Amino acid sequence: MCNFKSWYFDDNGYVIECAECNHLRVCFGSTMLTLNCIDYRAFYDLVCWKKETHLPVVDQHTKCIVIATPCKSVQIILSEQELNDLYEMLQHADTEMKTQQLLDLFERRDP
């Protein structure tokens, strides 16, 4: 049975990680992905790349941004606003994860 650590949670979605199987669950809108660490990092990098390279459209609510998932037959289509929200969610989760990694390093060093 999974034992989840919450990295991010709000009305738009969440990022949680199982301490036992190390899979991450990303829920955003009506989509939920369960990813291993490598697939999560690839998904995170892709969302960041899309955010950095996306050219603004006239209507921020038009769904025109496609995000691939590790499952070749499943893709997520987002509006510009949704991409921004997903990006912010993943950025916040990433900051929390990195902070915890740093704290873990200091805890291991204490005699």
N, C-alpha and C. Protein backbone atom coordinates (compact mmCIF):
# COMPACT_ATOMS: atom_id res chain seq x y z
N MET A 1 0.84 -1.18 0.00
CA MET A 1 0.00 0.00 0.00
C MET A 1 0.89 1.25 0.00
N CYS A 2 0.52 2.21 -0.78
CA CYS A 2 1.33 3.42 -0.91
C CYS A 2 1.21 4.32 0.32
N ASN A 3 2.32 4.98 0.60
CA ASN A 3 2.40 5.95 1.69
C ASN A 3 2.85 7.26 1.06
N PHE A 4 1.90 8.19 0.84
CA PHE A 4 2.18 9.38 0.03
C PHE A 4 2.71 10.56 0.83
N LYS A 5 3.68 11.23 0.23
CA LYS A 5 4.21 12.51 0.71
C LYS A 5 3.69 13.56 -0.26
N SER A 6 3.06 14.59 0.26
CA SER A 6 2.49 15.64 -0.59
C SER A 6 3.54 16.71 -0.87
N TRP A 7 3.80 16.96 -2.15
CA TRP A 7 4.74 18.01 -2.55
C TRP A 7 4.01 19.29 -2.94
N TYR A 8 2.77 19.15 -3.39
CA TYR A 8 1.98 20.31 -3.77
C TYR A 8 0.51 19.91 -3.79
N PHE A 9 -0.36 20.81 -3.36
CA PHE A 9 -1.80 20.54 -3.40
C PHE A 9 -2.55 21.87 -3.46
N ASP A 10 -3.45 22.00 -4.42
CA ASP A 10 -4.39 23.12 -4.45
C ASP A 10 -5.62 22.71 -5.25
N ASP A 11 -6.51 23.66 -5.53
CA ASP A 11 -7.76 23.34 -6.21
C ASP A 11 -7.55 22.83 -7.64
N ASN A 12 -6.42 23.19 -8.28
CA ASN A 12 -6.15 22.76 -9.66
C ASN A 12 -5.54 21.37 -9.75
N GLY A 13 -4.88 20.92 -8.68
CA GLY A 13 -4.25 19.61 -8.73
C GLY A 13 -3.25 19.39 -7.62
N TYR A 14 -2.47 18.33 -7.78
CA TYR A 14 -1.49 18.01 -6.76
C TYR A 14 -0.35 17.18 -7.33
N VAL A 15 0.75 17.14 -6.57
CA VAL A 15 1.87 16.26 -6.85
C VAL A 15 2.19 15.55 -5.54
N ILE A 16 2.09 14.22 -5.56
CA ILE A 16 2.40 13.43 -4.39
C ILE A 16 3.37 12.32 -4.78
N GLU A 17 4.10 11.80 -3.81
CA GLU A 17 5.08 10.74 -4.07
C GLU A 17 4.92 9.65 -3.03
N CYS A 18 4.95 8.40 -3.48
CA CYS A 18 4.88 7.27 -2.57
C CYS A 18 6.28 7.01 -2.01
N ALA A 19 6.39 7.00 -0.70
CA ALA A 19 7.68 6.76 -0.04
C ALA A 19 8.15 5.31 -0.21
N GLU A 20 7.24 4.41 -0.54
CA GLU A 20 7.60 3.00 -0.66
C GLU A 20 7.95 2.60 -2.09
N CYS A 21 7.14 3.01 -3.07
CA CYS A 21 7.41 2.60 -4.46
C CYS A 21 8.08 3.71 -5.28
N ASN A 22 8.21 4.91 -4.69
CA ASN A 22 8.87 6.06 -5.32
C ASN A 22 8.19 6.55 -6.60
N HIS A 23 6.95 6.19 -6.84
CA HIS A 23 6.21 6.73 -7.97
C HIS A 23 5.58 8.06 -7.56
N LEU A 24 5.49 8.94 -8.54
CA LEU A 24 4.87 10.24 -8.31
C LEU A 24 3.53 10.27 -9.01
N ARG A 25 2.56 10.87 -8.37
CA ARG A 25 1.24 11.02 -8.96
C ARG A 25 1.02 12.51 -9.20
N VAL A 26 0.77 12.85 -10.46
CA VAL A 26 0.49 14.23 -10.85
C VAL A 26 -0.97 14.27 -11.27
N CYS A 27 -1.74 15.09 -10.58
CA CYS A 27 -3.14 15.27 -10.92
C CYS A 27 -3.33 16.73 -11.28
N PHE A 28 -3.86 16.97 -12.47
CA PHE A 28 -4.10 18.33 -12.91
C PHE A 28 -5.36 18.35 -13.75
N GLY A 29 -6.31 19.18 -13.38
CA GLY A 29 -7.58 19.20 -14.10
C GLY A 29 -8.24 17.85 -14.00
N SER A 30 -8.56 17.25 -15.13
CA SER A 30 -9.20 15.93 -15.14
C SER A 30 -8.22 14.82 -15.49
N THR A 31 -6.91 15.11 -15.42
CA THR A 31 -5.88 14.14 -15.78
C THR A 31 -5.09 13.73 -14.55
N MET A 32 -4.84 12.43 -14.42
CA MET A 32 -3.97 11.95 -13.36
C MET A 32 -2.93 11.02 -13.98
N LEU A 33 -1.67 11.32 -13.71
CA LEU A 33 -0.56 10.50 -14.20
C LEU A 33 0.16 9.89 -13.02
N THR A 34 0.51 8.61 -13.11
CA THR A 34 1.37 7.97 -12.13
C THR A 34 2.67 7.66 -12.85
N LEU A 35 3.76 8.28 -12.37
CA LEU A 35 5.03 8.25 -13.09
C LEU A 35 6.16 7.77 -12.19
N ASN A 36 7.11 7.04 -12.78
CA ASN A 36 8.33 6.75 -12.03
C ASN A 36 9.18 8.02 -12.04
N CYS A 37 10.27 8.02 -11.30
CA CYS A 37 11.09 9.23 -11.17
C CYS A 37 11.63 9.73 -12.51
N ILE A 38 12.05 8.82 -13.38
CA ILE A 38 12.60 9.21 -14.68
C ILE A 38 11.51 9.84 -15.56
N ASP A 39 10.34 9.21 -15.60
CA ASP A 39 9.24 9.74 -16.40
C ASP A 39 8.73 11.07 -15.83
N TYR A 40 8.72 11.19 -14.51
CA TYR A 40 8.31 12.46 -13.89
C TYR A 40 9.26 13.58 -14.31
N ARG A 41 10.56 13.32 -14.25
CA ARG A 41 11.55 14.34 -14.61
C ARG A 41 11.39 14.72 -16.09
N ALA A 42 11.15 13.74 -16.96
CA ALA A 42 10.94 14.03 -18.38
C ALA A 42 9.68 14.87 -18.58
N PHE A 43 8.62 14.55 -17.86
CA PHE A 43 7.37 15.31 -17.94
C PHE A 43 7.59 16.74 -17.44
N TYR A 44 8.27 16.88 -16.33
CA TYR A 44 8.59 18.19 -15.76
C TYR A 44 9.41 19.02 -16.76
N ASP A 45 10.44 18.42 -17.33
CA ASP A 45 11.28 19.12 -18.30
C ASP A 45 10.49 19.54 -19.53
N LEU A 46 9.58 18.68 -19.98
CA LEU A 46 8.77 19.00 -21.15
C LEU A 46 7.83 20.17 -20.87
N VAL A 47 7.20 20.17 -19.71
CA VAL A 47 6.31 21.28 -19.35
C VAL A 47 7.10 22.58 -19.26
N CYS A 48 8.29 22.53 -18.66
CA CYS A 48 9.13 23.73 -18.57
C CYS A 48 9.53 24.22 -19.95
N TRP A 49 9.90 23.30 -20.83
CA TRP A 49 10.28 23.67 -22.20
C TRP A 49 9.10 24.29 -22.94
N LYS A 50 7.92 23.69 -22.80
CA LYS A 50 6.72 24.24 -23.46
C LYS A 50 6.43 25.64 -22.95
N LYS A 51 6.55 25.84 -21.66
CA LYS A 51 6.29 27.16 -21.07
C LYS A 51 7.28 28.19 -21.60
N GLU A 52 8.56 27.82 -21.69
CA GLU A 52 9.59 28.75 -22.15
C GLU A 52 9.50 29.06 -23.64
N THR A 53 9.04 28.11 -24.44
CA THR A 53 9.05 28.29 -25.90
C THR A 53 7.68 28.65 -26.48
N HIS A 54 6.64 28.59 -25.67
CA HIS A 54 5.30 28.86 -26.18
C HIS A 54 5.13 30.34 -26.54
N LEU A 55 4.61 30.57 -27.72
CA LEU A 55 4.29 31.93 -28.15
C LEU A 55 2.85 32.23 -27.77
N PRO A 56 2.61 33.36 -27.10
CA PRO A 56 1.25 33.69 -26.64
C PRO A 56 0.26 33.73 -27.80
N VAL A 57 -0.96 33.31 -27.48
CA VAL A 57 -2.05 33.35 -28.45
C VAL A 57 -3.02 34.44 -28.03
N VAL A 58 -3.93 34.76 -28.93
CA VAL A 58 -4.89 35.85 -28.67
C VAL A 58 -5.79 35.50 -27.47
N ASP A 59 -6.30 34.29 -27.46
CA ASP A 59 -7.21 33.87 -26.38
C ASP A 59 -6.49 32.85 -25.49
N GLN A 60 -6.20 33.24 -24.27
CA GLN A 60 -5.48 32.37 -23.34
C GLN A 60 -6.26 31.11 -22.97
N HIS A 61 -7.53 31.05 -23.31
CA HIS A 61 -8.36 29.91 -22.93
C HIS A 61 -8.54 28.91 -24.07
N THR A 62 -7.92 29.16 -25.23
CA THR A 62 -7.98 28.23 -26.34
C THR A 62 -7.04 27.06 -26.08
N LYS A 63 -7.56 25.84 -26.15
CA LYS A 63 -6.74 24.65 -25.90
C LYS A 63 -5.96 24.33 -27.17
N CYS A 64 -4.66 24.67 -27.15
CA CYS A 64 -3.84 24.48 -28.35
C CYS A 64 -2.43 23.98 -28.03
N ILE A 65 -2.14 23.71 -26.77
CA ILE A 65 -0.81 23.28 -26.35
C ILE A 65 -0.87 21.80 -26.00
N VAL A 66 -0.08 21.00 -26.71
CA VAL A 66 -0.09 19.56 -26.51
C VAL A 66 1.13 19.15 -25.68
N ILE A 67 0.87 18.40 -24.61
CA ILE A 67 1.92 17.87 -23.76
C ILE A 67 1.89 16.36 -23.87
N ALA A 68 3.00 15.78 -24.29
CA ALA A 68 3.11 14.32 -24.38
C ALA A 68 3.24 13.73 -22.99
N THR A 69 2.85 12.47 -22.86
CA THR A 69 3.02 11.73 -21.62
C THR A 69 3.84 10.47 -21.94
N PRO A 70 4.32 9.77 -20.93
CA PRO A 70 5.08 8.54 -21.20
C PRO A 70 4.28 7.49 -21.97
N CYS A 71 2.97 7.55 -21.89
CA CYS A 71 2.11 6.65 -22.66
C CYS A 71 1.91 7.28 -24.03
N LYS A 72 2.44 6.67 -25.07
CA LYS A 72 2.42 7.26 -26.41
C LYS A 72 1.03 7.60 -26.92
N SER A 73 0.01 6.88 -26.44
CA SER A 73 -1.35 7.13 -26.93
C SER A 73 -2.11 8.16 -26.10
N VAL A 74 -1.47 8.73 -25.07
CA VAL A 74 -2.13 9.72 -24.23
C VAL A 74 -1.34 11.03 -24.27
N GLN A 75 -2.03 12.10 -24.60
CA GLN A 75 -1.45 13.43 -24.59
C GLN A 75 -2.42 14.35 -23.86
N ILE A 76 -1.89 15.42 -23.31
CA ILE A 76 -2.70 16.40 -22.60
C ILE A 76 -2.77 17.64 -23.47
N ILE A 77 -3.97 18.18 -23.65
CA ILE A 77 -4.11 19.43 -24.39
C ILE A 77 -4.56 20.52 -23.42
N LEU A 78 -3.80 21.61 -23.44
CA LEU A 78 -4.00 22.68 -22.46
C LEU A 78 -4.17 24.03 -23.14
N SER A 79 -4.82 24.92 -22.43
CA SER A 79 -4.84 26.33 -22.84
C SER A 79 -3.58 26.98 -22.28
N GLU A 80 -3.32 28.19 -22.70
CA GLU A 80 -2.16 28.92 -22.20
C GLU A 80 -2.25 29.11 -20.68
N GLN A 81 -3.43 29.43 -20.19
CA GLN A 81 -3.62 29.61 -18.75
C GLN A 81 -3.39 28.29 -18.00
N GLU A 82 -3.89 27.19 -18.56
CA GLU A 82 -3.67 25.89 -17.92
C GLU A 82 -2.19 25.51 -17.93
N LEU A 83 -1.48 25.80 -19.02
CA LEU A 83 -0.05 25.55 -19.06
C LEU A 83 0.66 26.34 -17.96
N ASN A 84 0.29 27.59 -17.80
CA ASN A 84 0.88 28.41 -16.74
C ASN A 84 0.60 27.81 -15.36
N ASP A 85 -0.63 27.36 -15.14
CA ASP A 85 -0.99 26.77 -13.85
C ASP A 85 -0.23 25.47 -13.59
N LEU A 86 -0.13 24.61 -14.62
CA LEU A 86 0.61 23.35 -14.48
C LEU A 86 2.08 23.63 -14.23
N TYR A 87 2.64 24.57 -14.95
CA TYR A 87 4.04 24.95 -14.77
C TYR A 87 4.29 25.42 -13.34
N GLU A 88 3.44 26.30 -12.83
CA GLU A 88 3.59 26.80 -11.46
C GLU A 88 3.47 25.67 -10.44
N MET A 89 2.55 24.75 -10.67
CA MET A 89 2.38 23.62 -9.77
C MET A 89 3.64 22.76 -9.72
N LEU A 90 4.18 22.44 -10.90
CA LEU A 90 5.38 21.60 -10.96
C LEU A 90 6.60 22.32 -10.41
N GLN A 91 6.69 23.63 -10.63
CA GLN A 91 7.80 24.41 -10.08
C GLN A 91 7.76 24.39 -8.56
N HIS A 92 6.59 24.58 -8.00
CA HIS A 92 6.45 24.57 -6.55
C HIS A 92 6.81 23.20 -5.98
N ALA A 93 6.31 22.14 -6.61
CA ALA A 93 6.63 20.79 -6.16
C ALA A 93 8.13 20.53 -6.25
N ASP A 94 8.75 20.98 -7.33
CA ASP A 94 10.20 20.79 -7.51
C ASP A 94 10.99 21.51 -6.42
N THR A 95 10.58 22.71 -6.08
CA THR A 95 11.24 23.46 -5.02
C THR A 95 11.12 22.71 -3.69
N GLU A 96 9.95 22.18 -3.41
CA GLU A 96 9.74 21.42 -2.18
C GLU A 96 10.62 20.17 -2.14
N MET A 97 10.70 19.47 -3.27
CA MET A 97 11.52 18.25 -3.33
C MET A 97 13.00 18.57 -3.12
N LYS A 98 13.48 19.61 -3.77
CA LYS A 98 14.89 19.99 -3.63
C LYS A 98 15.21 20.46 -2.22
N THR A 99 14.29 21.18 -1.61
CA THR A 99 14.48 21.61 -0.23
C THR A 99 14.58 20.41 0.70
N GLN A 100 13.72 19.42 0.49
CA GLN A 100 13.76 18.21 1.32
C GLN A 100 15.06 17.44 1.11
N GLN A 101 15.54 17.38 -0.13
CA GLN A 101 16.82 16.71 -0.40
C GLN A 101 17.96 17.39 0.34
N LEU A 102 17.96 18.71 0.36
CA LEU A 102 19.00 19.45 1.10
C LEU A 102 18.90 19.18 2.59
N LEU A 103 17.70 19.21 3.12
CA LEU A 103 17.51 18.93 4.55
C LEU A 103 17.97 17.51 4.89
N ASP A 104 17.68 16.57 4.01
CA ASP A 104 18.11 15.18 4.23
C ASP A 104 19.63 15.08 4.27
N LEU A 105 20.31 15.84 3.42
CA LEU A 105 21.77 15.84 3.42
C LEU A 105 22.32 16.31 4.75
N PHE A 106 21.74 17.37 5.30
CA PHE A 106 22.21 17.90 6.58
C PHE A 106 21.91 16.95 7.72
N GLU A 107 20.77 16.26 7.66
CA GLU A 107 20.42 15.31 8.71
C GLU A 107 21.40 14.14 8.73
N ARG A 108 21.85 13.70 7.58
CA ARG A 108 22.81 12.58 7.49
C ARG A 108 24.18 12.97 8.02
N ARG A 109 24.50 14.24 7.98
CA ARG A 109 25.82 14.71 8.40
C ARG A 109 25.92 14.85 9.91
N ASP A 110 24.78 15.02 10.58
CA ASP A 110 24.81 15.20 12.03
C ASP A 110 25.26 13.90 12.71
N PRO A 111 26.22 14.01 13.65
CA PRO A 111 26.69 12.81 14.35
C PRO A 111 25.71 12.28 15.36
